[in-house]
Every structure is written in structure tokens, then in C-alpha cells.
């Protein structure tokens, strides 16, 4: 293996460091958004619902007669709805970003036109 081919191989390997960095950031953002914010927060619904229950108690007078279970049931349905909406918005945007990033990274680069080289 000559020095030139070793240098070319090293350059080809090093130029993918930004690609791996961007993919690591995207992977981390997926974990943070989907797993931490959507799934784990949904499992902690009692905490969120208790805060909503306190806010509803202040604004709606009929809630104390129906009890906490009604509020938790309504809150759980609303949280499921928001969870589905958030995930249905996030995943198409993620797919569009990854597709455009793939197209950008693996497209063959074209040099400047010949008119630029003449000047």
C-alpha cells in the first residue's frame, strides 16, 4: 500500500466523522423525544393529571361532584390523543430529514463549471 492510497483511505474515513456526529444527534433526539417525553411522561400521568385536576377544580364547578376518577379518565384520554398527535407529527418530519440528509451525503459532488476555471 502506497502513501497516497493510505492518505486517501484515511481521508475517506475521516470525512465521515461529521456524518456519524449528525446521526448520533438525531438518534439522541429520537430517544429524548419519543422515549423520554412521550412514553415515560405518559406513564407518569398521575402527576400530570393531579396538576390538571387542581387547575380544573379552580375553573369548573361540576368536577368536585364527579370526583377525581372522572378527571383522571378524561385526562388519560387527552394525553393519549396528544401522544398520538405528537408522534404522528414527529415521525414524518424525521423521515423527511433523514431522506434529505441521505440524498445530500451520498450524491456525487459536481465541480464548478468550466466558465469559472477560465477566469
N, C-alpha and C. Protein backbone atom coordinates (compact mmCIF):
# COMPACT_ATOMS: atom_id res chain seq x y z
N UNK A 1 0.86 -1.17 0.00
CA UNK A 1 0.00 0.00 0.00
C UNK A 1 0.90 1.23 0.00
N UNK A 2 0.67 2.09 -0.95
CA UNK A 2 1.50 3.29 -1.05
C UNK A 2 1.01 4.37 -0.10
N UNK A 3 1.83 5.41 0.02
CA UNK A 3 1.49 6.52 0.91
C UNK A 3 0.25 7.24 0.40
N UNK A 4 0.14 7.35 -0.92
CA UNK A 4 -1.01 8.05 -1.49
C UNK A 4 -2.31 7.28 -1.20
N UNK A 5 -2.31 5.98 -1.37
CA UNK A 5 -3.54 5.22 -1.12
C UNK A 5 -3.87 5.20 0.38
N UNK A 6 -2.87 5.19 1.25
CA UNK A 6 -3.12 5.25 2.69
C UNK A 6 -3.73 6.60 3.06
N UNK A 7 -3.22 7.66 2.46
CA UNK A 7 -3.75 9.00 2.73
C UNK A 7 -5.19 9.11 2.22
N UNK A 8 -5.47 8.55 1.06
CA UNK A 8 -6.82 8.58 0.51
C UNK A 8 -7.79 7.79 1.39
N UNK A 9 -7.34 6.63 1.88
CA UNK A 9 -8.18 5.81 2.75
C UNK A 9 -8.44 6.54 4.08
N UNK A 10 -7.41 7.17 4.62
CA UNK A 10 -7.58 7.92 5.88
C UNK A 10 -8.52 9.10 5.68
N UNK A 11 -8.39 9.80 4.56
CA UNK A 11 -9.27 10.94 4.27
C UNK A 11 -10.72 10.48 4.11
N UNK A 12 -10.91 9.36 3.42
CA UNK A 12 -12.27 8.83 3.22
C UNK A 12 -12.91 8.44 4.56
N UNK A 13 -12.10 7.93 5.48
CA UNK A 13 -12.62 7.56 6.79
C UNK A 13 -12.92 8.81 7.63
N UNK A 14 -12.03 9.78 7.61
CA UNK A 14 -12.21 10.98 8.44
C UNK A 14 -13.35 11.88 7.96
N UNK A 15 -13.66 11.82 6.69
CA UNK A 15 -14.73 12.70 6.20
C UNK A 15 -16.11 12.23 6.65
N UNK A 16 -16.22 11.02 7.19
CA UNK A 16 -17.50 10.54 7.69
C UNK A 16 -17.72 10.85 9.17
N UNK A 17 -16.77 11.48 9.82
CA UNK A 17 -16.94 11.86 11.23
C UNK A 17 -18.14 12.80 11.41
N UNK A 18 -18.30 13.85 10.59
CA UNK A 18 -19.49 14.70 10.74
C UNK A 18 -20.80 13.94 10.50
N UNK A 19 -20.78 12.97 9.59
CA UNK A 19 -21.97 12.17 9.32
C UNK A 19 -22.36 11.38 10.56
N UNK A 20 -21.38 10.74 11.19
CA UNK A 20 -21.67 9.98 12.41
C UNK A 20 -22.11 10.90 13.54
N UNK A 21 -21.55 12.09 13.60
CA UNK A 21 -21.96 13.04 14.64
C UNK A 21 -23.42 13.45 14.45
N UNK A 22 -23.81 13.78 13.23
CA UNK A 22 -25.19 14.17 12.96
C UNK A 22 -26.14 13.01 13.24
N UNK A 23 -25.76 11.80 12.85
CA UNK A 23 -26.61 10.64 13.12
C UNK A 23 -26.72 10.37 14.62
N UNK A 24 -25.65 10.63 15.37
CA UNK A 24 -25.71 10.47 16.83
C UNK A 24 -26.66 11.50 17.44
N UNK A 25 -26.62 12.73 16.95
CA UNK A 25 -27.53 13.77 17.45
C UNK A 25 -28.98 13.41 17.11
N UNK A 26 -29.22 12.91 15.92
CA UNK A 26 -30.58 12.52 15.54
C UNK A 26 -31.05 11.34 16.39
N UNK A 27 -30.18 10.37 16.63
CA UNK A 27 -30.53 9.23 17.49
C UNK A 27 -30.84 9.67 18.91
N UNK A 28 -30.03 10.59 19.42
CA UNK A 28 -30.28 11.11 20.77
C UNK A 28 -31.59 11.88 20.81
N UNK A 29 -31.87 12.68 19.80
CA UNK A 29 -33.12 13.45 19.79
C UNK A 29 -34.32 12.52 19.69
N UNK A 30 -34.20 11.43 18.95
CA UNK A 30 -35.29 10.46 18.88
C UNK A 30 -35.54 9.84 20.25
N UNK A 31 -34.47 9.44 20.92
CA UNK A 31 -34.61 8.86 22.26
C UNK A 31 -35.22 9.88 23.22
N UNK A 32 -34.72 11.11 23.18
CA UNK A 32 -35.22 12.13 24.10
C UNK A 32 -36.68 12.45 23.85
N UNK A 33 -37.07 12.57 22.60
CA UNK A 33 -38.45 12.96 22.30
C UNK A 33 -39.43 11.81 22.47
N UNK A 34 -39.15 10.70 21.81
CA UNK A 34 -40.12 9.60 21.80
C UNK A 34 -40.13 8.86 23.13
N UNK A 35 -38.96 8.44 23.59
CA UNK A 35 -38.92 7.61 24.79
C UNK A 35 -39.14 8.44 26.05
N UNK A 36 -38.35 9.49 26.21
CA UNK A 36 -38.42 10.25 27.45
C UNK A 36 -39.66 11.14 27.54
N UNK A 37 -39.91 11.92 26.49
CA UNK A 37 -41.01 12.88 26.58
C UNK A 37 -42.37 12.25 26.35
N UNK A 38 -42.48 11.35 25.41
CA UNK A 38 -43.81 10.82 25.09
C UNK A 38 -44.16 9.58 25.92
N UNK A 39 -43.30 8.57 25.90
CA UNK A 39 -43.67 7.31 26.54
C UNK A 39 -43.54 7.38 28.06
N UNK A 40 -42.41 7.86 28.56
CA UNK A 40 -42.24 7.90 30.02
C UNK A 40 -43.14 8.94 30.67
N UNK A 41 -43.36 10.05 30.02
CA UNK A 41 -44.28 11.05 30.59
C UNK A 41 -45.70 10.53 30.63
N UNK A 42 -46.06 9.69 29.65
CA UNK A 42 -47.39 9.11 29.67
C UNK A 42 -47.55 8.15 30.84
N UNK A 43 -46.47 7.43 31.17
CA UNK A 43 -46.53 6.53 32.32
C UNK A 43 -46.63 7.30 33.63
N UNK A 44 -46.16 8.54 33.65
CA UNK A 44 -46.24 9.38 34.84
C UNK A 44 -47.48 10.26 34.79
N UNK A 45 -48.56 9.75 34.23
CA UNK A 45 -49.76 10.55 34.00
C UNK A 45 -50.43 11.00 35.29
N UNK A 46 -50.25 10.25 36.36
CA UNK A 46 -50.90 10.62 37.62
C UNK A 46 -50.41 11.97 38.11
N UNK A 47 -49.10 12.23 37.94
CA UNK A 47 -48.56 13.52 38.37
C UNK A 47 -49.15 14.65 37.53
N UNK A 48 -49.15 14.46 36.22
CA UNK A 48 -49.67 15.49 35.32
C UNK A 48 -51.16 15.68 35.54
N UNK A 49 -51.89 14.58 35.71
CA UNK A 49 -53.33 14.66 35.89
C UNK A 49 -53.69 15.32 37.21
N UNK A 50 -52.87 15.11 38.24
CA UNK A 50 -53.18 15.76 39.50
C UNK A 50 -53.03 17.27 39.39
N UNK A 51 -52.06 17.71 38.60
CA UNK A 51 -51.92 19.15 38.37
C UNK A 51 -53.11 19.67 37.58
N UNK A 52 -53.51 18.92 36.53
CA UNK A 52 -54.68 19.32 35.75
C UNK A 52 -55.94 19.31 36.61
N UNK A 53 -56.04 18.34 37.50
CA UNK A 53 -57.20 18.25 38.38
C UNK A 53 -57.30 19.49 39.26
N UNK A 54 -56.16 19.94 39.76
CA UNK A 54 -56.17 21.14 40.60
C UNK A 54 -56.57 22.37 39.78
N UNK A 55 -56.11 22.44 38.53
CA UNK A 55 -56.49 23.57 37.68
C UNK A 55 -57.97 23.50 37.33
N UNK A 56 -58.49 22.29 37.07
CA UNK A 56 -59.91 22.15 36.73
C UNK A 56 -60.79 22.47 37.92
N UNK A 57 -60.35 22.10 39.11
CA UNK A 57 -61.12 22.40 40.31
C UNK A 57 -61.35 23.89 40.47
N UNK A 58 -60.37 24.66 40.08
CA UNK A 58 -60.50 26.10 40.22
C UNK A 58 -61.47 26.65 39.18
N UNK A 59 -61.46 26.08 37.97
CA UNK A 59 -62.23 26.68 36.88
C UNK A 59 -63.62 26.07 36.69
N UNK A 60 -63.77 24.77 36.96
CA UNK A 60 -65.05 24.12 36.71
C UNK A 60 -65.67 23.73 38.04
N UNK A 61 -66.92 24.08 38.22
CA UNK A 61 -67.57 23.79 39.49
C UNK A 61 -68.14 22.38 39.56
N UNK A 62 -68.38 21.73 38.43
CA UNK A 62 -69.01 20.41 38.45
C UNK A 62 -68.02 19.28 38.71
N UNK A 63 -66.73 19.54 38.63
CA UNK A 63 -65.75 18.48 38.80
C UNK A 63 -65.75 17.89 40.21
N UNK A 64 -65.84 18.67 41.28
CA UNK A 64 -65.82 18.03 42.60
C UNK A 64 -66.97 17.05 42.80
N UNK A 65 -68.11 17.25 42.14
CA UNK A 65 -69.22 16.32 42.30
C UNK A 65 -68.95 15.01 41.55
N UNK A 66 -68.24 15.08 40.45
CA UNK A 66 -67.95 13.87 39.68
C UNK A 66 -66.77 13.11 40.25
N UNK A 67 -65.89 13.77 40.94
CA UNK A 67 -64.79 13.09 41.60
C UNK A 67 -63.52 13.07 40.77
N UNK A 68 -62.45 12.62 41.41
CA UNK A 68 -61.14 12.60 40.77
C UNK A 68 -61.06 11.59 39.64
N UNK A 69 -61.73 10.47 39.76
CA UNK A 69 -61.62 9.42 38.74
C UNK A 69 -62.11 9.91 37.38
N UNK A 70 -63.14 10.75 37.36
CA UNK A 70 -63.62 11.32 36.10
C UNK A 70 -62.53 12.17 35.47
N UNK A 71 -61.88 12.97 36.27
CA UNK A 71 -60.83 13.85 35.74
C UNK A 71 -59.66 13.03 35.25
N UNK A 72 -59.27 11.98 35.98
CA UNK A 72 -58.16 11.15 35.54
C UNK A 72 -58.50 10.42 34.24
N UNK A 73 -59.74 9.97 34.11
CA UNK A 73 -60.17 9.28 32.89
C UNK A 73 -60.12 10.24 31.70
N UNK A 74 -60.65 11.43 31.86
CA UNK A 74 -60.62 12.42 30.78
C UNK A 74 -59.20 12.82 30.46
N UNK A 75 -58.41 13.00 31.52
CA UNK A 75 -57.02 13.40 31.33
C UNK A 75 -56.24 12.32 30.59
N UNK A 76 -56.47 11.06 30.91
CA UNK A 76 -55.77 9.96 30.24
C UNK A 76 -56.13 9.91 28.76
N UNK A 77 -57.39 10.12 28.43
CA UNK A 77 -57.80 10.12 27.03
C UNK A 77 -57.16 11.28 26.27
N UNK A 78 -57.12 12.46 26.90
CA UNK A 78 -56.50 13.61 26.25
C UNK A 78 -55.00 13.39 26.08
N UNK A 79 -54.36 12.80 27.08
CA UNK A 79 -52.92 12.54 26.96
C UNK A 79 -52.63 11.54 25.86
N UNK A 80 -53.45 10.51 25.71
CA UNK A 80 -53.26 9.56 24.62
C UNK A 80 -53.43 10.24 23.28
N UNK A 81 -54.41 11.12 23.18
CA UNK A 81 -54.65 11.83 21.93
C UNK A 81 -53.44 12.71 21.58
N UNK A 82 -52.94 13.47 22.57
CA UNK A 82 -51.78 14.32 22.32
C UNK A 82 -50.54 13.49 22.00
N UNK A 83 -50.39 12.35 22.66
CA UNK A 83 -49.26 11.48 22.39
C UNK A 83 -49.28 11.00 20.95
N UNK A 84 -50.43 10.58 20.46
CA UNK A 84 -50.55 10.12 19.07
C UNK A 84 -50.30 11.28 18.11
N UNK A 85 -50.83 12.45 18.41
CA UNK A 85 -50.62 13.61 17.54
C UNK A 85 -49.14 13.99 17.48
N UNK A 86 -48.48 14.04 18.63
CA UNK A 86 -47.06 14.39 18.66
C UNK A 86 -46.22 13.38 17.88
N UNK A 87 -46.52 12.10 18.05
CA UNK A 87 -45.75 11.08 17.35
C UNK A 87 -46.05 11.08 15.86
N UNK A 88 -47.29 11.39 15.48
CA UNK A 88 -47.64 11.45 14.06
C UNK A 88 -47.04 12.67 13.37
N UNK A 89 -46.72 13.68 14.10
CA UNK A 89 -46.04 14.84 13.52
C UNK A 89 -44.53 14.61 13.48
N UNK A 90 -43.98 14.03 14.54
CA UNK A 90 -42.53 13.87 14.65
C UNK A 90 -41.98 12.88 13.63
N UNK A 91 -42.62 11.73 13.47
CA UNK A 91 -42.05 10.69 12.61
C UNK A 91 -42.00 11.07 11.13
N UNK A 92 -43.02 11.68 10.54
CA UNK A 92 -42.85 12.11 9.14
C UNK A 92 -41.76 13.17 8.98
N UNK A 93 -41.65 14.08 9.93
CA UNK A 93 -40.58 15.07 9.84
C UNK A 93 -39.21 14.41 9.97
N UNK A 94 -39.09 13.44 10.83
CA UNK A 94 -37.83 12.71 10.97
C UNK A 94 -37.49 11.96 9.69
N UNK A 95 -38.47 11.32 9.09
CA UNK A 95 -38.23 10.59 7.84
C UNK A 95 -37.83 11.54 6.72
N UNK A 96 -38.49 12.68 6.63
CA UNK A 96 -38.11 13.66 5.60
C UNK A 96 -36.69 14.18 5.82
N UNK A 97 -36.32 14.44 7.07
CA UNK A 97 -34.97 14.91 7.36
C UNK A 97 -33.94 13.85 7.00
N UNK A 98 -34.16 12.59 7.42
CA UNK A 98 -33.19 11.54 7.14
C UNK A 98 -33.08 11.27 5.64
N UNK A 99 -34.19 11.34 4.94
CA UNK A 99 -34.15 11.14 3.49
C UNK A 99 -33.35 12.25 2.81
N UNK A 100 -33.61 13.49 3.17
CA UNK A 100 -32.87 14.60 2.55
C UNK A 100 -31.40 14.58 2.95
N UNK A 101 -31.10 14.17 4.19
CA UNK A 101 -29.70 14.08 4.62
C UNK A 101 -28.99 12.96 3.85
N UNK A 102 -29.66 11.84 3.66
CA UNK A 102 -29.08 10.76 2.88
C UNK A 102 -28.80 11.21 1.45
N UNK A 103 -29.77 11.88 0.85
CA UNK A 103 -29.59 12.35 -0.53
C UNK A 103 -28.45 13.36 -0.62
N UNK A 104 -28.29 14.19 0.39
CA UNK A 104 -27.22 15.18 0.38
C UNK A 104 -25.86 14.52 0.54
N UNK A 105 -25.75 13.57 1.44
CA UNK A 105 -24.46 12.98 1.74
C UNK A 105 -23.97 12.03 0.65
N UNK A 106 -24.84 11.32 0.00
CA UNK A 106 -24.41 10.31 -0.94
C UNK A 106 -24.61 10.70 -2.40
N UNK A 107 -24.88 11.95 -2.65
CA UNK A 107 -24.94 12.46 -4.01
C UNK A 107 -23.51 12.76 -4.47
N UNK A 108 -23.19 12.41 -5.70
CA UNK A 108 -21.85 12.71 -6.20
C UNK A 108 -21.70 14.21 -6.37
N UNK A 109 -20.57 14.70 -5.90
CA UNK A 109 -20.36 16.15 -5.99
C UNK A 109 -19.90 16.53 -7.39
N UNK A 110 -20.38 17.66 -7.81
CA UNK A 110 -20.05 18.18 -9.14
C UNK A 110 -19.19 19.41 -8.93
N UNK A 111 -18.11 19.45 -9.65
CA UNK A 111 -17.20 20.58 -9.53
C UNK A 111 -17.79 21.85 -10.14
N UNK A 112 -17.06 22.94 -10.05
CA UNK A 112 -17.56 24.19 -10.65
C UNK A 112 -17.57 24.08 -12.17
N UNK A 113 -18.40 24.88 -12.83
CA UNK A 113 -18.47 24.84 -14.29
C UNK A 113 -17.14 25.32 -14.92
N UNK A 114 -16.96 24.96 -16.17
CA UNK A 114 -15.71 25.32 -16.87
C UNK A 114 -15.53 26.82 -17.03
N UNK A 115 -16.62 27.57 -17.03
CA UNK A 115 -16.51 29.02 -17.17
C UNK A 115 -15.78 29.63 -15.98
N UNK A 116 -15.90 29.04 -14.83
CA UNK A 116 -15.22 29.56 -13.64
C UNK A 116 -13.74 29.30 -13.73
N UNK A 117 -13.35 28.18 -14.27
CA UNK A 117 -11.93 27.84 -14.37
C UNK A 117 -11.20 28.71 -15.37
N UNK A 118 -11.86 29.26 -16.36
CA UNK A 118 -11.20 30.09 -17.38
C UNK A 118 -10.75 31.41 -16.82
N UNK A 119 -11.45 31.95 -15.84
CA UNK A 119 -11.10 33.28 -15.31
C UNK A 119 -9.99 33.22 -14.35
